[in-house]
N, C-alpha and C. Protein backbone atom coordinates (compact mmCIF):
# COMPACT_ATOMS: atom_id res chain seq x y z
N MET A 1 -9.01 26.70 37.69
CA MET A 1 -7.61 27.09 37.56
C MET A 1 -7.53 28.51 36.99
N SER A 2 -6.73 29.36 37.63
CA SER A 2 -6.59 30.73 37.15
C SER A 2 -5.90 30.74 35.80
N GLY A 3 -6.07 31.88 35.09
CA GLY A 3 -5.46 31.99 33.77
C GLY A 3 -3.95 31.86 33.83
N HIS A 4 -3.34 32.41 34.89
CA HIS A 4 -1.88 32.35 35.02
C HIS A 4 -1.40 30.92 35.23
N LEU A 5 -2.07 30.19 36.14
CA LEU A 5 -1.68 28.81 36.40
C LEU A 5 -1.91 27.94 35.17
N HIS A 6 -3.01 28.23 34.44
CA HIS A 6 -3.31 27.47 33.23
C HIS A 6 -2.21 27.68 32.19
N SER A 7 -1.75 28.91 32.05
CA SER A 7 -0.68 29.21 31.09
C SER A 7 0.61 28.50 31.46
N ILE A 8 0.90 28.45 32.78
CA ILE A 8 2.10 27.75 33.25
C ILE A 8 1.99 26.25 32.93
N LYS A 9 0.81 25.67 33.16
CA LYS A 9 0.59 24.26 32.88
C LYS A 9 0.81 23.96 31.40
N ILE A 10 0.27 24.80 30.54
CA ILE A 10 0.43 24.61 29.10
C ILE A 10 1.90 24.74 28.70
N PHE A 11 2.57 25.74 29.28
CA PHE A 11 3.98 25.96 28.96
C PHE A 11 4.82 24.73 29.29
N PHE A 12 4.65 24.18 30.49
CA PHE A 12 5.45 23.03 30.89
C PHE A 12 5.05 21.78 30.13
N ALA A 13 3.75 21.61 29.85
CA ALA A 13 3.31 20.45 29.08
C ALA A 13 3.87 20.49 27.67
N LYS A 14 3.87 21.67 27.06
CA LYS A 14 4.42 21.82 25.71
C LYS A 14 5.90 21.42 25.69
N TRP A 15 6.68 21.96 26.59
CA TRP A 15 8.11 21.69 26.57
C TRP A 15 8.44 20.28 27.02
N MET A 16 7.61 19.69 27.86
CA MET A 16 7.81 18.30 28.23
C MET A 16 7.62 17.40 27.01
N LEU A 17 6.55 17.65 26.24
CA LEU A 17 6.30 16.84 25.04
C LEU A 17 7.37 17.08 23.99
N LYS A 18 7.79 18.33 23.81
CA LYS A 18 8.85 18.61 22.85
C LYS A 18 10.16 17.92 23.26
N ALA A 19 10.42 17.89 24.56
CA ALA A 19 11.64 17.23 25.05
C ALA A 19 11.57 15.73 24.82
N ILE A 20 10.40 15.14 25.13
CA ILE A 20 10.24 13.69 24.96
C ILE A 20 10.34 13.31 23.49
N TYR A 21 9.52 13.94 22.66
CA TYR A 21 9.46 13.54 21.26
C TYR A 21 10.70 13.99 20.48
N GLY A 22 11.40 14.99 21.03
CA GLY A 22 12.65 15.40 20.40
C GLY A 22 13.74 14.36 20.52
N THR A 23 13.62 13.46 21.50
CA THR A 23 14.60 12.38 21.66
C THR A 23 14.22 11.14 20.85
N CYS A 24 13.00 11.12 20.33
CA CYS A 24 12.51 9.94 19.62
C CYS A 24 12.94 9.95 18.16
N ARG A 25 13.06 8.78 17.58
CA ARG A 25 13.36 8.63 16.16
C ARG A 25 12.09 8.20 15.43
N PHE A 26 11.67 9.01 14.46
CA PHE A 26 10.49 8.69 13.66
C PHE A 26 10.90 7.91 12.41
N HIS A 27 10.22 6.82 12.17
CA HIS A 27 10.35 6.11 10.90
C HIS A 27 8.97 6.15 10.24
N VAL A 28 8.87 6.89 9.15
CA VAL A 28 7.57 7.18 8.53
C VAL A 28 7.53 6.61 7.12
N ASP A 29 6.52 5.79 6.85
CA ASP A 29 6.28 5.26 5.51
C ASP A 29 5.06 5.95 4.90
N GLY A 30 5.14 6.27 3.62
CA GLY A 30 3.97 6.75 2.90
C GLY A 30 3.77 8.24 2.87
N GLU A 31 4.73 9.01 3.41
CA GLU A 31 4.53 10.46 3.49
C GLU A 31 4.50 11.11 2.11
N GLN A 32 5.16 10.51 1.13
CA GLN A 32 5.19 11.10 -0.21
C GLN A 32 3.78 11.23 -0.78
N GLN A 33 2.89 10.34 -0.37
CA GLN A 33 1.49 10.42 -0.82
C GLN A 33 0.87 11.76 -0.42
N LEU A 34 1.17 12.20 0.78
CA LEU A 34 0.64 13.47 1.26
C LEU A 34 1.19 14.62 0.42
N PHE A 35 2.49 14.61 0.19
CA PHE A 35 3.10 15.67 -0.61
C PHE A 35 2.53 15.70 -2.03
N ASP A 36 2.32 14.51 -2.61
CA ASP A 36 1.80 14.43 -3.98
C ASP A 36 0.38 14.98 -4.06
N LEU A 37 -0.44 14.65 -3.08
CA LEU A 37 -1.82 15.13 -3.08
C LEU A 37 -1.88 16.65 -2.92
N ILE A 38 -1.04 17.19 -2.04
CA ILE A 38 -1.00 18.63 -1.87
C ILE A 38 -0.54 19.31 -3.15
N ALA A 39 0.46 18.72 -3.81
CA ALA A 39 0.95 19.28 -5.07
C ALA A 39 -0.12 19.26 -6.16
N GLU A 40 -1.02 18.28 -6.08
CA GLU A 40 -2.13 18.18 -7.03
C GLU A 40 -3.31 19.06 -6.63
N LYS A 41 -3.12 19.86 -5.57
CA LYS A 41 -4.16 20.77 -5.06
C LYS A 41 -5.37 20.02 -4.49
N LYS A 42 -5.14 18.78 -4.06
CA LYS A 42 -6.20 18.03 -3.39
C LYS A 42 -6.16 18.32 -1.90
N SER A 43 -7.31 18.53 -1.31
CA SER A 43 -7.37 18.68 0.14
C SER A 43 -7.36 17.30 0.80
N VAL A 44 -6.75 17.24 1.98
CA VAL A 44 -6.48 15.95 2.62
C VAL A 44 -6.97 15.96 4.06
N ILE A 45 -7.63 14.88 4.44
CA ILE A 45 -7.94 14.62 5.85
C ILE A 45 -6.99 13.54 6.33
N ILE A 46 -6.13 13.89 7.30
CA ILE A 46 -5.30 12.89 7.96
C ILE A 46 -6.12 12.31 9.10
N ALA A 47 -6.31 10.99 9.08
CA ALA A 47 -7.15 10.34 10.09
C ALA A 47 -6.31 9.36 10.91
N CYS A 48 -6.43 9.45 12.22
CA CYS A 48 -5.69 8.56 13.13
C CYS A 48 -6.57 8.31 14.35
N TRP A 49 -6.52 7.11 14.89
CA TRP A 49 -7.30 6.83 16.11
C TRP A 49 -6.88 7.76 17.24
N HIS A 50 -7.85 8.15 18.07
CA HIS A 50 -7.63 9.12 19.14
C HIS A 50 -6.49 8.72 20.07
N GLY A 51 -6.41 7.47 20.42
CA GLY A 51 -5.40 7.03 21.38
C GLY A 51 -3.97 7.22 20.90
N ARG A 52 -3.80 7.37 19.58
CA ARG A 52 -2.46 7.49 19.01
C ARG A 52 -2.20 8.88 18.44
N LEU A 53 -3.02 9.84 18.80
CA LEU A 53 -3.00 11.14 18.13
C LEU A 53 -1.73 11.94 18.37
N LEU A 54 -1.05 11.74 19.50
CA LEU A 54 0.09 12.60 19.83
C LEU A 54 1.25 12.43 18.85
N MET A 55 1.44 11.22 18.35
CA MET A 55 2.60 11.01 17.47
C MET A 55 2.48 11.80 16.17
N PRO A 56 1.35 11.75 15.45
CA PRO A 56 1.21 12.62 14.29
C PRO A 56 1.21 14.11 14.65
N VAL A 57 0.64 14.47 15.81
CA VAL A 57 0.65 15.87 16.22
C VAL A 57 2.08 16.39 16.32
N MET A 58 2.96 15.61 16.91
CA MET A 58 4.34 16.06 17.08
C MET A 58 5.11 15.98 15.75
N TYR A 59 4.84 14.96 14.97
CA TYR A 59 5.59 14.82 13.71
C TYR A 59 5.22 15.90 12.70
N PHE A 60 3.94 16.23 12.60
CA PHE A 60 3.49 17.20 11.60
C PHE A 60 3.45 18.63 12.14
N ALA A 61 4.11 18.87 13.25
CA ALA A 61 4.12 20.22 13.83
C ALA A 61 4.79 21.22 12.88
N ASN A 62 4.42 22.48 13.06
CA ASN A 62 5.03 23.60 12.34
C ASN A 62 4.84 23.53 10.82
N ARG A 63 3.72 22.93 10.40
CA ARG A 63 3.40 22.91 8.97
C ARG A 63 2.15 23.74 8.66
N ASN A 64 1.58 24.32 9.70
CA ASN A 64 0.40 25.16 9.54
C ASN A 64 -0.82 24.37 9.07
N TYR A 65 -0.86 23.07 9.37
CA TYR A 65 -2.02 22.26 9.06
C TYR A 65 -3.13 22.55 10.08
N TYR A 66 -4.35 22.17 9.73
CA TYR A 66 -5.49 22.30 10.64
C TYR A 66 -5.66 21.01 11.45
N ALA A 67 -6.23 21.14 12.64
CA ALA A 67 -6.55 19.97 13.45
C ALA A 67 -7.83 20.23 14.24
N LEU A 68 -8.63 19.18 14.38
CA LEU A 68 -9.87 19.26 15.15
C LEU A 68 -9.62 18.77 16.57
N ALA A 69 -10.10 19.54 17.55
CA ALA A 69 -10.01 19.13 18.96
C ALA A 69 -11.34 19.39 19.64
N GLY A 70 -11.67 18.55 20.60
CA GLY A 70 -12.92 18.70 21.34
C GLY A 70 -12.87 19.91 22.27
N THR A 71 -13.91 20.01 23.10
CA THR A 71 -14.02 21.16 23.98
C THR A 71 -13.87 20.78 25.46
N HIS A 72 -13.64 19.51 25.77
CA HIS A 72 -13.48 19.11 27.17
C HIS A 72 -12.07 19.46 27.66
N ALA A 73 -11.81 19.24 28.93
CA ALA A 73 -10.58 19.74 29.56
C ALA A 73 -9.31 19.15 28.94
N ASP A 74 -9.29 17.83 28.73
CA ASP A 74 -8.10 17.21 28.15
C ASP A 74 -7.82 17.73 26.75
N ALA A 75 -8.90 17.87 25.96
CA ALA A 75 -8.74 18.38 24.60
C ALA A 75 -8.29 19.83 24.61
N GLU A 76 -8.70 20.59 25.62
CA GLU A 76 -8.27 21.98 25.73
C GLU A 76 -6.76 22.06 25.91
N LEU A 77 -6.22 21.19 26.74
CA LEU A 77 -4.77 21.19 26.96
C LEU A 77 -4.03 20.82 25.67
N ILE A 78 -4.48 19.76 25.00
CA ILE A 78 -3.84 19.33 23.76
C ILE A 78 -3.96 20.41 22.70
N SER A 79 -5.13 21.04 22.63
CA SER A 79 -5.35 22.09 21.64
C SER A 79 -4.42 23.27 21.86
N GLN A 80 -4.26 23.67 23.11
CA GLN A 80 -3.38 24.80 23.43
C GLN A 80 -1.92 24.47 23.09
N ILE A 81 -1.52 23.24 23.38
CA ILE A 81 -0.15 22.83 23.06
C ILE A 81 0.03 22.80 21.54
N ALA A 82 -0.93 22.18 20.84
CA ALA A 82 -0.82 22.05 19.38
C ALA A 82 -0.75 23.42 18.70
N SER A 83 -1.55 24.36 19.20
CA SER A 83 -1.54 25.69 18.58
C SER A 83 -0.20 26.39 18.76
N ARG A 84 0.53 26.00 19.81
CA ARG A 84 1.84 26.60 20.07
C ARG A 84 2.98 25.91 19.32
N ILE A 85 2.68 24.80 18.67
CA ILE A 85 3.72 24.14 17.87
C ILE A 85 3.34 24.12 16.39
N GLY A 86 2.48 25.06 16.01
CA GLY A 86 2.28 25.27 14.58
C GLY A 86 1.05 24.67 13.96
N TRP A 87 0.05 24.30 14.76
CA TRP A 87 -1.21 23.81 14.22
C TRP A 87 -2.27 24.92 14.27
N GLN A 88 -3.18 24.92 13.30
CA GLN A 88 -4.34 25.79 13.33
C GLN A 88 -5.51 24.97 13.87
N MET A 89 -6.02 25.34 15.04
CA MET A 89 -6.99 24.50 15.72
C MET A 89 -8.42 24.86 15.36
N ILE A 90 -9.22 23.80 15.15
CA ILE A 90 -10.67 23.90 14.98
C ILE A 90 -11.28 23.23 16.20
N ARG A 91 -12.14 23.92 16.92
CA ARG A 91 -12.67 23.39 18.17
C ARG A 91 -14.12 22.96 18.02
N GLY A 92 -14.47 21.87 18.70
CA GLY A 92 -15.85 21.40 18.70
C GLY A 92 -15.89 19.89 18.73
N SER A 93 -17.06 19.34 19.10
CA SER A 93 -17.25 17.90 19.14
C SER A 93 -18.68 17.60 18.71
N SER A 94 -18.99 16.30 18.63
CA SER A 94 -20.34 15.90 18.23
C SER A 94 -21.38 16.31 19.26
N SER A 95 -20.95 16.53 20.52
CA SER A 95 -21.90 16.86 21.58
C SER A 95 -21.92 18.35 21.91
N GLU A 96 -20.88 19.08 21.52
CA GLU A 96 -20.81 20.49 21.87
C GLU A 96 -20.07 21.26 20.79
N GLY A 97 -20.74 22.21 20.18
CA GLY A 97 -20.09 22.99 19.13
C GLY A 97 -19.86 22.22 17.85
N GLY A 98 -20.60 21.11 17.68
CA GLY A 98 -20.36 20.23 16.55
C GLY A 98 -20.64 20.86 15.20
N GLN A 99 -21.76 21.56 15.10
CA GLN A 99 -22.11 22.15 13.81
C GLN A 99 -21.12 23.22 13.39
N ASP A 100 -20.73 24.06 14.33
CA ASP A 100 -19.74 25.10 14.00
C ASP A 100 -18.41 24.47 13.60
N ALA A 101 -18.00 23.44 14.32
CA ALA A 101 -16.74 22.77 14.01
C ALA A 101 -16.80 22.15 12.62
N PHE A 102 -17.92 21.50 12.32
CA PHE A 102 -18.05 20.85 11.02
C PHE A 102 -17.99 21.87 9.89
N LYS A 103 -18.66 23.00 10.08
CA LYS A 103 -18.63 24.05 9.07
C LYS A 103 -17.20 24.57 8.87
N ASN A 104 -16.45 24.69 9.95
CA ASN A 104 -15.08 25.17 9.84
C ASN A 104 -14.17 24.14 9.17
N ILE A 105 -14.43 22.85 9.43
CA ILE A 105 -13.68 21.80 8.74
C ILE A 105 -13.93 21.88 7.24
N VAL A 106 -15.20 21.96 6.87
CA VAL A 106 -15.56 22.03 5.44
C VAL A 106 -14.96 23.28 4.81
N ARG A 107 -15.04 24.39 5.52
CA ARG A 107 -14.48 25.65 4.99
C ARG A 107 -12.97 25.51 4.76
N SER A 108 -12.28 24.87 5.71
CA SER A 108 -10.84 24.69 5.57
C SER A 108 -10.50 23.78 4.40
N LEU A 109 -11.26 22.69 4.24
CA LEU A 109 -10.98 21.73 3.18
C LEU A 109 -11.29 22.27 1.80
N LYS A 110 -12.13 23.27 1.73
CA LYS A 110 -12.45 23.85 0.43
C LYS A 110 -11.32 24.71 -0.11
N ASN A 111 -10.32 24.98 0.73
CA ASN A 111 -9.10 25.64 0.24
C ASN A 111 -8.21 24.57 -0.38
N SER A 112 -7.96 24.66 -1.66
CA SER A 112 -7.21 23.64 -2.38
C SER A 112 -5.87 23.36 -1.71
N GLY A 113 -5.56 22.08 -1.54
CA GLY A 113 -4.28 21.69 -0.97
C GLY A 113 -4.19 21.82 0.53
N SER A 114 -5.31 22.01 1.22
CA SER A 114 -5.27 22.13 2.67
C SER A 114 -5.25 20.75 3.33
N VAL A 115 -4.80 20.71 4.58
CA VAL A 115 -4.71 19.47 5.33
C VAL A 115 -5.39 19.65 6.67
N VAL A 116 -6.30 18.73 7.01
CA VAL A 116 -7.01 18.76 8.29
C VAL A 116 -6.79 17.41 8.99
N TYR A 117 -6.36 17.46 10.23
CA TYR A 117 -6.11 16.26 11.03
C TYR A 117 -7.31 15.99 11.93
N ILE A 118 -7.87 14.79 11.82
CA ILE A 118 -9.07 14.42 12.59
C ILE A 118 -8.87 13.05 13.23
N THR A 119 -9.30 12.90 14.47
CA THR A 119 -9.38 11.58 15.09
C THR A 119 -10.84 11.13 14.97
N PRO A 120 -11.12 10.18 14.08
CA PRO A 120 -12.52 9.84 13.76
C PRO A 120 -13.33 9.31 14.93
N ASP A 121 -12.66 8.75 15.95
CA ASP A 121 -13.38 8.22 17.11
C ASP A 121 -13.37 9.18 18.29
N GLY A 122 -12.80 10.37 18.11
CA GLY A 122 -12.74 11.34 19.20
C GLY A 122 -13.95 12.25 19.22
N PRO A 123 -14.09 13.07 20.28
CA PRO A 123 -13.17 13.12 21.42
C PRO A 123 -13.55 12.22 22.58
N LYS A 124 -14.71 11.52 22.49
CA LYS A 124 -15.15 10.74 23.64
C LYS A 124 -15.54 9.31 23.30
N GLY A 125 -15.24 8.86 22.09
CA GLY A 125 -15.52 7.49 21.72
C GLY A 125 -16.92 7.27 21.18
N PRO A 126 -17.29 6.00 21.01
CA PRO A 126 -16.56 4.79 21.42
C PRO A 126 -15.25 4.62 20.66
N ALA A 127 -14.29 4.02 21.33
CA ALA A 127 -12.96 3.87 20.77
C ALA A 127 -12.99 3.00 19.52
N LEU A 128 -12.18 3.40 18.54
CA LEU A 128 -11.97 2.65 17.31
C LEU A 128 -13.24 2.50 16.47
N GLU A 129 -14.15 3.44 16.62
CA GLU A 129 -15.38 3.47 15.82
C GLU A 129 -15.52 4.85 15.20
N PRO A 130 -15.35 4.97 13.87
CA PRO A 130 -15.44 6.30 13.25
C PRO A 130 -16.83 6.90 13.38
N LYS A 131 -16.86 8.19 13.63
CA LYS A 131 -18.12 8.93 13.59
C LYS A 131 -18.37 9.40 12.16
N SER A 132 -19.54 9.96 11.94
CA SER A 132 -19.95 10.32 10.58
C SER A 132 -19.23 11.55 10.04
N GLY A 133 -18.75 12.44 10.93
CA GLY A 133 -18.24 13.73 10.49
C GLY A 133 -17.10 13.64 9.51
N THR A 134 -16.16 12.73 9.75
CA THR A 134 -15.01 12.59 8.87
C THR A 134 -15.45 12.20 7.46
N ILE A 135 -16.37 11.24 7.39
CA ILE A 135 -16.87 10.77 6.10
C ILE A 135 -17.63 11.88 5.39
N ARG A 136 -18.52 12.55 6.09
CA ARG A 136 -19.33 13.59 5.47
C ARG A 136 -18.47 14.74 4.97
N ALA A 137 -17.45 15.12 5.75
CA ALA A 137 -16.56 16.22 5.33
C ALA A 137 -15.83 15.84 4.05
N ALA A 138 -15.37 14.60 3.96
CA ALA A 138 -14.68 14.15 2.76
C ALA A 138 -15.62 14.14 1.56
N GLN A 139 -16.84 13.68 1.78
CA GLN A 139 -17.81 13.61 0.68
C GLN A 139 -18.18 14.99 0.16
N ILE A 140 -18.45 15.91 1.07
CA ILE A 140 -18.91 17.24 0.69
C ILE A 140 -17.83 18.01 -0.07
N THR A 141 -16.57 17.84 0.35
CA THR A 141 -15.48 18.65 -0.19
C THR A 141 -14.64 17.92 -1.23
N ASN A 142 -14.98 16.66 -1.50
CA ASN A 142 -14.19 15.84 -2.44
C ASN A 142 -12.74 15.73 -1.97
N SER A 143 -12.56 15.65 -0.67
CA SER A 143 -11.21 15.52 -0.09
C SER A 143 -10.81 14.05 0.00
N VAL A 144 -9.52 13.82 0.08
CA VAL A 144 -8.97 12.49 0.21
C VAL A 144 -8.64 12.23 1.68
N ILE A 145 -8.96 11.03 2.16
CA ILE A 145 -8.60 10.65 3.52
C ILE A 145 -7.32 9.81 3.47
N LEU A 146 -6.33 10.21 4.28
CA LEU A 146 -5.12 9.41 4.46
C LEU A 146 -5.15 8.80 5.86
N PRO A 147 -5.40 7.50 5.98
CA PRO A 147 -5.38 6.87 7.30
C PRO A 147 -3.95 6.71 7.80
N VAL A 148 -3.76 6.86 9.10
CA VAL A 148 -2.42 6.81 9.69
C VAL A 148 -2.42 5.86 10.89
N GLY A 149 -1.43 5.01 10.95
CA GLY A 149 -1.18 4.20 12.13
C GLY A 149 0.14 4.63 12.75
N ALA A 150 0.21 4.69 14.08
CA ALA A 150 1.43 5.14 14.75
C ALA A 150 1.56 4.46 16.10
N GLN A 151 2.79 4.09 16.43
CA GLN A 151 3.08 3.53 17.76
C GLN A 151 4.57 3.66 18.02
N SER A 152 4.94 3.69 19.29
CA SER A 152 6.34 3.80 19.69
C SER A 152 6.80 2.50 20.36
N THR A 153 8.09 2.27 20.28
CA THR A 153 8.64 1.03 20.85
C THR A 153 8.47 0.97 22.36
N ARG A 154 8.51 2.13 23.00
CA ARG A 154 8.27 2.19 24.45
C ARG A 154 7.31 3.34 24.71
N HIS A 155 6.30 3.10 25.54
CA HIS A 155 5.28 4.14 25.74
C HIS A 155 4.54 3.93 27.05
N TRP A 156 3.92 5.00 27.48
CA TRP A 156 2.94 4.94 28.56
C TRP A 156 1.55 4.83 27.93
N GLY A 157 0.66 4.13 28.60
CA GLY A 157 -0.72 4.05 28.15
C GLY A 157 -1.66 4.50 29.26
N PHE A 158 -2.44 5.54 29.00
CA PHE A 158 -3.37 6.09 30.00
C PHE A 158 -4.79 5.74 29.56
N THR A 159 -5.48 4.95 30.39
CA THR A 159 -6.77 4.41 29.99
C THR A 159 -7.92 5.22 30.57
N ASN A 160 -8.81 5.67 29.68
CA ASN A 160 -10.06 6.31 30.04
C ASN A 160 -11.14 5.62 29.22
N TRP A 161 -11.68 6.27 28.20
CA TRP A 161 -12.60 5.57 27.29
C TRP A 161 -11.83 4.85 26.19
N ASP A 162 -10.57 5.23 26.02
CA ASP A 162 -9.65 4.49 25.17
C ASP A 162 -8.31 4.43 25.89
N THR A 163 -7.30 3.87 25.25
CA THR A 163 -5.94 3.92 25.81
C THR A 163 -5.17 4.97 25.04
N PHE A 164 -4.73 6.00 25.76
CA PHE A 164 -4.04 7.14 25.16
C PHE A 164 -2.54 6.93 25.33
N PHE A 165 -1.83 6.84 24.21
CA PHE A 165 -0.41 6.51 24.25
C PHE A 165 0.47 7.76 24.22
N VAL A 166 1.48 7.74 25.08
CA VAL A 166 2.51 8.78 25.09
C VAL A 166 3.86 8.08 24.98
N ALA A 167 4.65 8.46 23.99
CA ALA A 167 5.95 7.82 23.79
C ALA A 167 6.88 8.12 24.97
N LYS A 168 7.72 7.16 25.32
CA LYS A 168 8.75 7.38 26.32
C LYS A 168 9.99 7.93 25.62
N PRO A 169 10.82 8.67 26.35
CA PRO A 169 12.03 9.24 25.73
C PRO A 169 12.89 8.17 25.06
N PHE A 170 13.51 8.57 23.95
CA PHE A 170 14.46 7.74 23.20
C PHE A 170 13.81 6.50 22.59
N SER A 171 12.49 6.59 22.36
CA SER A 171 11.81 5.51 21.66
C SER A 171 11.97 5.67 20.15
N LYS A 172 11.70 4.59 19.43
CA LYS A 172 11.53 4.67 17.99
C LYS A 172 10.05 4.68 17.70
N ILE A 173 9.61 5.62 16.88
CA ILE A 173 8.20 5.74 16.54
C ILE A 173 7.99 5.27 15.11
N GLU A 174 7.15 4.26 14.96
CA GLU A 174 6.77 3.77 13.64
C GLU A 174 5.45 4.43 13.24
N MET A 175 5.45 5.06 12.08
CA MET A 175 4.23 5.70 11.58
C MET A 175 4.07 5.31 10.11
N VAL A 176 2.88 4.82 9.76
CA VAL A 176 2.60 4.42 8.39
C VAL A 176 1.38 5.19 7.90
N ILE A 177 1.55 5.87 6.77
CA ILE A 177 0.45 6.57 6.12
C ILE A 177 -0.08 5.65 5.04
N GLY A 178 -1.34 5.26 5.17
CA GLY A 178 -1.92 4.28 4.27
C GLY A 178 -2.33 4.85 2.92
N GLU A 179 -2.90 3.97 2.11
CA GLU A 179 -3.36 4.37 0.77
C GLU A 179 -4.51 5.37 0.87
N PRO A 180 -4.55 6.35 -0.05
CA PRO A 180 -5.63 7.34 -0.02
C PRO A 180 -7.00 6.69 -0.19
N ILE A 181 -7.97 7.22 0.53
CA ILE A 181 -9.35 6.75 0.46
C ILE A 181 -10.22 7.91 0.00
N SER A 182 -11.06 7.67 -1.00
CA SER A 182 -11.95 8.71 -1.51
C SER A 182 -13.38 8.19 -1.50
N PHE A 183 -14.31 9.07 -1.19
CA PHE A 183 -15.72 8.74 -1.20
C PHE A 183 -16.48 9.76 -2.05
N THR A 184 -17.52 9.30 -2.73
CA THR A 184 -18.41 10.22 -3.44
C THR A 184 -19.60 10.53 -2.54
N ARG A 185 -20.36 11.52 -2.94
CA ARG A 185 -21.55 11.89 -2.16
C ARG A 185 -22.57 10.76 -2.11
N ASP A 186 -22.53 9.87 -3.10
CA ASP A 186 -23.53 8.80 -3.19
C ASP A 186 -23.12 7.54 -2.42
N ASP A 187 -21.88 7.49 -1.92
CA ASP A 187 -21.44 6.30 -1.20
C ASP A 187 -22.18 6.16 0.12
N ASP A 188 -22.53 4.93 0.46
CA ASP A 188 -23.23 4.66 1.71
C ASP A 188 -22.33 5.00 2.90
N GLU A 189 -22.87 5.76 3.84
CA GLU A 189 -22.07 6.25 4.96
C GLU A 189 -21.57 5.12 5.85
N GLU A 190 -22.42 4.13 6.13
CA GLU A 190 -21.99 3.03 7.01
C GLU A 190 -20.90 2.20 6.35
N ASN A 191 -21.03 1.96 5.06
CA ASN A 191 -19.98 1.22 4.35
C ASN A 191 -18.66 2.01 4.36
N ALA A 192 -18.79 3.34 4.20
CA ALA A 192 -17.60 4.19 4.21
C ALA A 192 -16.92 4.15 5.57
N LYS A 193 -17.71 4.19 6.65
CA LYS A 193 -17.13 4.11 7.99
C LYS A 193 -16.44 2.76 8.21
N ASP A 194 -17.04 1.70 7.69
CA ASP A 194 -16.42 0.37 7.80
C ASP A 194 -15.09 0.34 7.06
N GLN A 195 -15.05 0.97 5.88
CA GLN A 195 -13.81 0.99 5.10
C GLN A 195 -12.72 1.76 5.83
N LEU A 196 -13.08 2.90 6.42
CA LEU A 196 -12.10 3.69 7.15
C LEU A 196 -11.63 2.94 8.39
N LYS A 197 -12.55 2.32 9.11
CA LYS A 197 -12.17 1.55 10.31
C LYS A 197 -11.21 0.42 9.95
N THR A 198 -11.52 -0.30 8.89
CA THR A 198 -10.65 -1.41 8.47
C THR A 198 -9.24 -0.91 8.17
N ALA A 199 -9.15 0.20 7.44
CA ALA A 199 -7.84 0.76 7.09
C ALA A 199 -7.07 1.17 8.34
N LEU A 200 -7.71 1.86 9.27
CA LEU A 200 -7.04 2.31 10.48
C LEU A 200 -6.64 1.14 11.37
N ASP A 201 -7.51 0.15 11.49
CA ASP A 201 -7.18 -1.02 12.31
C ASP A 201 -5.99 -1.78 11.72
N GLN A 202 -5.97 -1.94 10.40
CA GLN A 202 -4.87 -2.65 9.77
C GLN A 202 -3.54 -1.92 9.94
N LEU A 203 -3.58 -0.60 9.83
CA LEU A 203 -2.36 0.19 10.02
C LEU A 203 -1.89 0.13 11.47
N SER A 204 -2.84 0.16 12.41
CA SER A 204 -2.48 0.05 13.83
C SER A 204 -1.82 -1.30 14.10
N ASP A 205 -2.38 -2.36 13.52
CA ASP A 205 -1.80 -3.69 13.70
C ASP A 205 -0.39 -3.74 13.10
N LYS A 206 -0.21 -3.09 11.94
CA LYS A 206 1.09 -3.11 11.28
C LYS A 206 2.17 -2.43 12.12
N VAL A 207 1.86 -1.23 12.64
CA VAL A 207 2.88 -0.53 13.44
C VAL A 207 3.09 -1.24 14.78
N ASP A 208 2.02 -1.83 15.34
CA ASP A 208 2.20 -2.59 16.58
C ASP A 208 3.15 -3.76 16.37
N ASP A 209 3.00 -4.44 15.24
CA ASP A 209 3.89 -5.56 14.94
C ASP A 209 5.33 -5.07 14.79
N ARG A 210 5.49 -3.92 14.16
CA ARG A 210 6.85 -3.40 13.93
C ARG A 210 7.56 -3.05 15.24
N VAL A 211 6.83 -2.41 16.16
CA VAL A 211 7.50 -1.98 17.39
C VAL A 211 7.74 -3.15 18.34
N GLN A 212 7.04 -4.25 18.12
CA GLN A 212 7.22 -5.42 18.98
C GLN A 212 8.24 -6.40 18.44
N SER A 213 8.66 -6.19 17.18
CA SER A 213 9.59 -7.15 16.57
C SER A 213 11.05 -6.84 16.95
């Protein structure tokens, strides 16, 4: 795709998402925890499963937070859109550019009160299984992880290695920010991943129940 056509695609995708999510009503629980941690100069990792990433991306837009995106084609589109709605993008994945991305995540988190958004199972899965990077970044920088669950009352689901949800216009979006999770450098990595997975799965179940009730 030529640069001109690519720019047109990004332009229309950005405004389509802004139009869709602009009609949606967000109901968010637990956001005060984020504000309190930032006020305490604690750095925060917002963690959400990859399939639900668009809802936090749209809700937290224009706050100048950082976000990690992979280097494949789909992630490129999302990254370009996110950068145009107020996110600072960090690029890389476990298979390509991983070390550089991890260093940039750590560098960002070392700035007191910074926020980095990560999908622990992205960018290529396996779905709903956290990779090590999120845990290691939190341990190295003494950052707090805030797990997030999000779902909309009406949505499209696009299935690849996971199911990627896009809210339909005029939906209600339920988003719950869970209790802060902290790890020390001495904590076992596998146990930490299990703890993060449990938190994310429970929050996903909670918002799913809310949108179905």
